[in-house]
Amino acid sequence: MCLRRAVEDAVAGAPLDDEEKRCLEEAGLYRDGLLAPRPYLIFRALQSGARLDLAKLSRLLSWQDFEEVLMYIFEGWGYSAQRDVRLDCGGRRFEFDVVAWSRERVLVVEAKHWKYGGGRWATVARNHLDKVAKCLDKLRSLAPRVLPVVITLSSVSDIVEGVPVLSIALLADFLRNVDNLDDQILVLT
């Protein structure tokens, strides 16, 4: 409880009281007046079992920090992860926000730090799928199964042409159940 409140206040930029500072210090996130970076604060609180409102906290982050939180979450689930991956594929250069891989699969993430997506999610998912398909051979060098995914901070949970479009708040559930979703989501091999 203490860690959740301290992280929420720290991410929001609110002044920390002595109890919050002590709590963060015990977690190794605050020392000599220095606070760990906000994406790392969120990740460590999640790792400690704090029940955070990820979508709400993500709204307080820059899009770069949002991508970094995603990277930490993937790493916490045992994936290797990298941000801002640029690949030359078919004579064109493509950029992927986050690529996370394990022995079994590569998750290629289009991260959208959007509060609302509305009707744009279908276009985002299709464009992302097109980029992933064009770089499939290079992405498959990381693992045999490639999954395009769109992750945002808005409250969305949809599958567009096999591409999951989901809120960061649902990411842990998605990762927990990804092996059981093969009949619902697009897996490129």
C-alpha atoms as a PDB file:
ATOM      1  CA  MET A   1       0.000   0.000   0.000  1.00  0.00           C
ATOM      2  CA  CYS A   2       2.777   2.375   0.971  1.00  0.00           C
ATOM      3  CA  LEU A   3       4.672   1.715  -2.260  1.00  0.00           C
ATOM      4  CA  ARG A   4       1.611   2.190  -4.453  1.00  0.00           C
ATOM      5  CA  ARG A   5       0.830   5.602  -2.962  1.00  0.00           C
ATOM      6  CA  ALA A   6       4.476   6.686  -3.076  1.00  0.00           C
ATOM      7  CA  VAL A   7       4.862   5.671  -6.726  1.00  0.00           C
ATOM      8  CA  GLU A   8       1.573   7.302  -7.715  1.00  0.00           C
ATOM      9  CA  ASP A   9       2.643  10.569  -6.053  1.00  0.00           C
ATOM     10  CA  ALA A  10       6.158  10.392  -7.510  1.00  0.00           C
ATOM     11  CA  VAL A  11       4.889   9.759 -11.045  1.00  0.00           C
ATOM     12  CA  ALA A  12       2.375  12.590 -10.668  1.00  0.00           C
ATOM     13  CA  GLY A  13       5.157  14.918  -9.499  1.00  0.00           C
ATOM     14  CA  ALA A  14       3.505  15.492  -6.117  1.00  0.00           C
ATOM     15  CA  PRO A  15       5.717  16.258  -3.112  1.00  0.00           C
ATOM     16  CA  LEU A  16       6.648  13.114  -1.215  1.00  0.00           C
ATOM     17  CA  ASP A  17       6.085  12.956   2.523  1.00  0.00           C
ATOM     18  CA  ASP A  18       8.582  11.282   4.860  1.00  0.00           C
ATOM     19  CA  GLU A  19       6.692   7.980   4.883  1.00  0.00           C
ATOM     20  CA  GLU A  20       6.659   7.849   1.064  1.00  0.00           C
ATOM     21  CA  LYS A  21      10.376   8.651   0.925  1.00  0.00           C
ATOM     22  CA  ARG A  22      11.083   5.894   3.464  1.00  0.00           C
ATOM     23  CA  CYS A  23       8.951   3.437   1.523  1.00  0.00           C
ATOM     24  CA  LEU A  24      10.723   4.253  -1.744  1.00  0.00           C
ATOM     25  CA  GLU A  25      14.099   4.095  -0.016  1.00  0.00           C
ATOM     26  CA  GLU A  26      13.334   0.605   1.338  1.00  0.00           C
ATOM     27  CA  ALA A  27      12.416  -0.461  -2.191  1.00  0.00           C
ATOM     28  CA  GLY A  28      15.730   0.901  -3.509  1.00  0.00           C
ATOM     29  CA  LEU A  29      13.985   3.622  -5.512  1.00  0.00           C
ATOM     30  CA  TYR A  30      14.998   6.709  -3.554  1.00  0.00           C
ATOM     31  CA  ARG A  31      18.420   7.575  -2.165  1.00  0.00           C
ATOM     32  CA  ASP A  32      20.091  10.777  -1.064  1.00  0.00           C
ATOM     33  CA  GLY A  33      17.213  12.833  -2.442  1.00  0.00           C
ATOM     34  CA  LEU A  34      17.369  11.141  -5.849  1.00  0.00           C
ATOM     35  CA  LEU A  35      14.360   9.322  -7.223  1.00  0.00           C
ATOM     36  CA  ALA A  36      14.530   6.478  -9.743  1.00  0.00           C
ATOM     37  CA  PRO A  37      13.132   7.308 -13.208  1.00  0.00           C
ATOM     38  CA  ARG A  38       9.341   7.187 -13.444  1.00  0.00           C
ATOM     39  CA  PRO A  39       9.131   4.165 -15.797  1.00  0.00           C
ATOM     40  CA  TYR A  40      11.321   2.167 -13.428  1.00  0.00           C
ATOM     41  CA  LEU A  41       9.253   3.265 -10.409  1.00  0.00           C
ATOM     42  CA  ILE A  42       6.129   1.916 -12.094  1.00  0.00           C
ATOM     43  CA  PHE A  43       7.791  -1.347 -13.059  1.00  0.00           C
ATOM     44  CA  ARG A  44       9.258  -2.003  -9.609  1.00  0.00           C
ATOM     45  CA  ALA A  45       5.926  -1.254  -7.936  1.00  0.00           C
ATOM     46  CA  LEU A  46       4.222  -3.733 -10.273  1.00  0.00           C
ATOM     47  CA  GLN A  47       6.934  -6.295  -9.542  1.00  0.00           C
ATOM     48  CA  SER A  48       6.304  -5.820  -5.833  1.00  0.00           C
ATOM     49  CA  GLY A  49       2.621  -6.601  -6.323  1.00  0.00           C
ATOM     50  CA  ALA A  50       1.317  -3.037  -6.024  1.00  0.00           C
ATOM     51  CA  ARG A  51      -2.038  -2.666  -7.743  1.00  0.00           C
ATOM     52  CA  LEU A  52      -1.462   0.356  -9.950  1.00  0.00           C
ATOM     53  CA  ASP A  53      -3.838   1.965 -12.415  1.00  0.00           C
ATOM     54  CA  LEU A  54      -1.433   1.651 -15.344  1.00  0.00           C
ATOM     55  CA  ALA A  55      -3.614   3.561 -17.781  1.00  0.00           C
ATOM     56  CA  LYS A  56      -3.961   6.492 -15.372  1.00  0.00           C
ATOM     57  CA  LEU A  57      -0.246   6.588 -14.554  1.00  0.00           C
ATOM     58  CA  SER A  58       0.691   6.223 -18.224  1.00  0.00           C
ATOM     59  CA  ARG A  59      -1.242   9.400 -19.010  1.00  0.00           C
ATOM     60  CA  LEU A  60       1.266  11.253 -16.822  1.00  0.00           C
ATOM     61  CA  LEU A  61       4.232   9.948 -18.809  1.00  0.00           C
ATOM     62  CA  SER A  62       5.760  11.130 -22.048  1.00  0.00           C
ATOM     63  CA  TRP A  63       5.392   8.764 -24.986  1.00  0.00           C
ATOM     64  CA  GLN A  64       9.077   7.832 -24.571  1.00  0.00           C
ATOM     65  CA  ASP A  65       8.545   6.896 -20.915  1.00  0.00           C
ATOM     66  CA  PHE A  66       5.412   4.979 -21.914  1.00  0.00           C
ATOM     67  CA  GLU A  67       7.504   2.857 -24.291  1.00  0.00           C
ATOM     68  CA  GLU A  68      10.102   2.355 -21.572  1.00  0.00           C
ATOM     69  CA  VAL A  69       7.424   1.083 -19.153  1.00  0.00           C
ATOM     70  CA  LEU A  70       6.351  -1.400 -21.838  1.00  0.00           C
ATOM     71  CA  MET A  71       9.933  -2.550 -22.239  1.00  0.00           C
ATOM     72  CA  TYR A  72      10.312  -3.104 -18.482  1.00  0.00           C
ATOM     73  CA  ILE A  73       7.040  -5.040 -18.352  1.00  0.00           C
ATOM     74  CA  PHE A  74       8.161  -7.351 -21.152  1.00  0.00           C
ATOM     75  CA  GLU A  75      11.504  -7.897 -19.457  1.00  0.00           C
ATOM     76  CA  GLY A  76       9.677  -8.692 -16.231  1.00  0.00           C
ATOM     77  CA  TRP A  77       7.830 -11.435 -18.106  1.00  0.00           C
ATOM     78  CA  GLY A  78      11.120 -12.971 -19.272  1.00  0.00           C
ATOM     79  CA  TYR A  79      11.399 -11.363 -22.697  1.00  0.00           C
ATOM     80  CA  SER A  80      14.397  -9.539 -24.059  1.00  0.00           C
ATOM     81  CA  ALA A  81      13.212  -6.137 -25.215  1.00  0.00           C
ATOM     82  CA  GLN A  82      14.462  -3.185 -27.202  1.00  0.00           C
ATOM     83  CA  ARG A  83      12.950   0.186 -28.041  1.00  0.00           C
ATOM     84  CA  ASP A  84      13.156   2.119 -31.308  1.00  0.00           C
ATOM     85  CA  VAL A  85      14.135  -0.823 -33.476  1.00  0.00           C
ATOM     86  CA  ARG A  86      14.947   0.229 -37.040  1.00  0.00           C
ATOM     87  CA  LEU A  87      15.107  -2.360 -39.795  1.00  0.00           C
ATOM     88  CA  ASP A  88      15.844  -2.102 -43.501  1.00  0.00           C
ATOM     89  CA  CYS A  89      13.358  -4.363 -45.262  1.00  0.00           C
ATOM     90  CA  GLY A  90      12.708  -4.564 -48.971  1.00  0.00           C
ATOM     91  CA  GLY A  91      14.553  -1.342 -49.718  1.00  0.00           C
ATOM     92  CA  ARG A  92      12.678   0.644 -47.062  1.00  0.00           C
ATOM     93  CA  ARG A  93      13.459   1.534 -43.471  1.00  0.00           C
ATOM     94  CA  PHE A  94      10.868   0.679 -40.824  1.00  0.00           C
ATOM     95  CA  GLU A  95      10.761   1.622 -37.160  1.00  0.00           C
ATOM     96  CA  PHE A  96       9.147  -0.408 -34.404  1.00  0.00           C
ATOM     97  CA  ASP A  97       8.462   1.141 -31.017  1.00  0.00           C
ATOM     98  CA  VAL A  98       9.211  -1.956 -28.922  1.00  0.00           C
ATOM     99  CA  VAL A  99      10.314  -5.423 -29.947  1.00  0.00           C
ATOM    100  CA  ALA A 100      10.204  -8.110 -27.257  1.00  0.00           C
ATOM    101  CA  TRP A 101      11.334 -11.664 -27.888  1.00  0.00           C
ATOM    102  CA  SER A 102      11.680 -15.013 -26.213  1.00  0.00           C
ATOM    103  CA  ARG A 103      12.644 -18.372 -27.674  1.00  0.00           C
ATOM    104  CA  GLU A 104       9.068 -18.950 -28.822  1.00  0.00           C
ATOM    105  CA  ARG A 105       7.845 -15.596 -30.080  1.00  0.00           C
ATOM    106  CA  VAL A 106       8.540 -12.023 -31.051  1.00  0.00           C
ATOM    107  CA  LEU A 107       6.054  -9.377 -29.972  1.00  0.00           C
ATOM    108  CA  VAL A 108       6.333  -6.373 -32.267  1.00  0.00           C
ATOM    109  CA  VAL A 109       4.668  -3.431 -30.555  1.00  0.00           C
ATOM    110  CA  GLU A 110       3.193  -0.285 -31.972  1.00  0.00           C
ATOM    111  CA  ALA A 111       2.876   1.894 -28.867  1.00  0.00           C
ATOM    112  CA  LYS A 112       0.304   4.662 -29.021  1.00  0.00           C
ATOM    113  CA  HIS A 113       0.321   7.116 -26.143  1.00  0.00           C
ATOM    114  CA  TRP A 114      -3.218   8.140 -27.024  1.00  0.00           C
ATOM    115  CA  LYS A 115      -6.077   8.771 -24.637  1.00  0.00           C
ATOM    116  CA  TYR A 116      -8.609   8.009 -27.365  1.00  0.00           C
ATOM    117  CA  GLY A 117      -8.288   6.062 -30.566  1.00  0.00           C
ATOM    118  CA  GLY A 118     -11.845   5.694 -31.738  1.00  0.00           C
ATOM    119  CA  GLY A 119     -12.086   4.641 -35.346  1.00  0.00           C
ATOM    120  CA  ARG A 120      -8.344   5.009 -35.875  1.00  0.00           C
ATOM    121  CA  TRP A 121      -7.472   1.645 -34.272  1.00  0.00           C
ATOM    122  CA  ALA A 122      -8.288  -0.329 -37.407  1.00  0.00           C
ATOM    123  CA  THR A 123      -5.970   1.847 -39.509  1.00  0.00           C
ATOM    124  CA  VAL A 124      -3.196   1.688 -36.899  1.00  0.00           C
ATOM    125  CA  ALA A 125      -3.473  -2.114 -36.692  1.00  0.00           C
ATOM    126  CA  ARG A 126      -3.474  -2.566 -40.481  1.00  0.00           C
ATOM    127  CA  ASN A 127      -0.481  -0.254 -40.971  1.00  0.00           C
ATOM    128  CA  HIS A 128       1.416  -2.007 -38.194  1.00  0.00           C
ATOM    129  CA  LEU A 129       0.647  -5.432 -39.652  1.00  0.00           C
ATOM    130  CA  ASP A 130       1.887  -4.231 -43.051  1.00  0.00           C
ATOM    131  CA  LYS A 131       5.215  -3.065 -41.544  1.00  0.00           C
ATOM    132  CA  VAL A 132       5.666  -6.297 -39.609  1.00  0.00           C
ATOM    133  CA  ALA A 133       4.902  -8.414 -42.687  1.00  0.00           C
ATOM    134  CA  LYS A 134       7.502  -6.523 -44.726  1.00  0.00           C
ATOM    135  CA  CYS A 135      10.156  -7.198 -42.062  1.00  0.00           C
ATOM    136  CA  LEU A 136       9.021 -10.723 -41.211  1.00  0.00           C
ATOM    137  CA  ASP A 137      12.246 -12.459 -42.270  1.00  0.00           C
ATOM    138  CA  LYS A 138      14.380 -10.202 -40.075  1.00  0.00           C
ATOM    139  CA  LEU A 139      11.993 -10.442 -37.126  1.00  0.00           C
ATOM    140  CA  ARG A 140      11.859 -14.243 -37.429  1.00  0.00           C
ATOM    141  CA  SER A 141      15.599 -14.331 -36.855  1.00  0.00           C
ATOM    142  CA  LEU A 142      14.741 -13.575 -33.194  1.00  0.00           C
ATOM    143  CA  ALA A 143      12.097 -16.305 -32.801  1.00  0.00           C
ATOM    144  CA  PRO A 144       9.939 -18.441 -35.114  1.00  0.00           C
ATOM    145  CA  ARG A 145       6.577 -16.846 -34.275  1.00  0.00           C
ATOM    146  CA  VAL A 146       5.960 -13.130 -34.803  1.00  0.00           C
ATOM    147  CA  LEU A 147       2.973 -11.323 -33.292  1.00  0.00           C
ATOM    148  CA  PRO A 148       2.123  -7.724 -34.157  1.00  0.00           C
ATOM    149  CA  VAL A 149       0.498  -5.926 -31.196  1.00  0.00           C
ATOM    150  CA  VAL A 150      -0.788  -2.381 -30.624  1.00  0.00           C
ATOM    151  CA  ILE A 151      -0.639  -1.120 -27.031  1.00  0.00           C
ATOM    152  CA  THR A 152      -2.099   2.149 -25.835  1.00  0.00           C
ATOM    153  CA  LEU A 153      -3.145   3.876 -22.645  1.00  0.00           C
ATOM    154  CA  SER A 154      -6.782   4.214 -23.715  1.00  0.00           C
ATOM    155  CA  SER A 155      -9.326   1.661 -22.564  1.00  0.00           C
ATOM    156  CA  VAL A 156      -9.470  -0.515 -25.645  1.00  0.00           C
ATOM    157  CA  SER A 157      -9.487  -4.259 -26.088  1.00  0.00           C
ATOM    158  CA  ASP A 158     -10.012  -5.399 -29.635  1.00  0.00           C
ATOM    159  CA  ILE A 159      -8.573  -7.639 -32.307  1.00  0.00           C
ATOM    160  CA  VAL A 160      -8.343  -6.027 -35.733  1.00  0.00           C
ATOM    161  CA  GLU A 161      -7.548  -8.438 -38.564  1.00  0.00           C
ATOM    162  CA  GLY A 162      -5.832 -10.649 -36.007  1.00  0.00           C
ATOM    163  CA  VAL A 163      -3.812  -7.823 -34.429  1.00  0.00           C
ATOM    164  CA  PRO A 164      -4.489  -7.302 -30.711  1.00  0.00           C
ATOM    165  CA  VAL A 165      -5.164  -3.660 -29.857  1.00  0.00           C
ATOM    166  CA  LEU A 166      -5.115  -3.324 -26.096  1.00  0.00           C
ATOM    167  CA  SER A 167      -4.710  -1.003 -23.177  1.00  0.00           C
ATOM    168  CA  ILE A 168      -1.507  -1.194 -21.162  1.00  0.00           C
ATOM    169  CA  ALA A 169      -3.789  -2.095 -18.248  1.00  0.00           C
ATOM    170  CA  LEU A 170      -4.516  -5.410 -20.030  1.00  0.00           C
ATOM    171  CA  LEU A 171      -0.925  -6.217 -21.000  1.00  0.00           C
ATOM    172  CA  ALA A 172      -0.230  -8.588 -18.085  1.00  0.00           C
ATOM    173  CA  ASP A 173      -3.407 -10.564 -18.856  1.00  0.00           C
ATOM    174  CA  PHE A 174      -2.425 -10.703 -22.513  1.00  0.00           C
ATOM    175  CA  LEU A 175       1.063 -11.998 -21.692  1.00  0.00           C
ATOM    176  CA  ARG A 176      -0.352 -14.516 -19.223  1.00  0.00           C
ATOM    177  CA  ASN A 177      -2.750 -15.893 -21.855  1.00  0.00           C
ATOM    178  CA  VAL A 178      -0.879 -15.380 -25.133  1.00  0.00           C
ATOM    179  CA  ASP A 179      -0.339 -19.143 -25.594  1.00  0.00           C
ATOM    180  CA  ASN A 180      -4.097 -19.684 -25.521  1.00  0.00           C
ATOM    181  CA  LEU A 181      -4.911 -16.998 -28.093  1.00  0.00           C
ATOM    182  CA  ASP A 182      -3.485 -18.605 -31.242  1.00  0.00           C
ATOM    183  CA  ASP A 183      -6.960 -19.162 -32.671  1.00  0.00           C
ATOM    184  CA  GLN A 184      -7.890 -15.479 -32.145  1.00  0.00           C
ATOM    185  CA  ILE A 185      -4.750 -13.518 -32.990  1.00  0.00           C
ATOM    186  CA  LEU A 186      -2.477 -13.429 -35.995  1.00  0.00           C
ATOM    187  CA  VAL A 187       0.781 -15.315 -35.568  1.00  0.00           C
ATOM    188  CA  LEU A 188       3.163 -14.882 -38.466  1.00  0.00           C
ATOM    189  CA  THR A 189       5.537 -17.763 -39.132  1.00  0.00           C
END
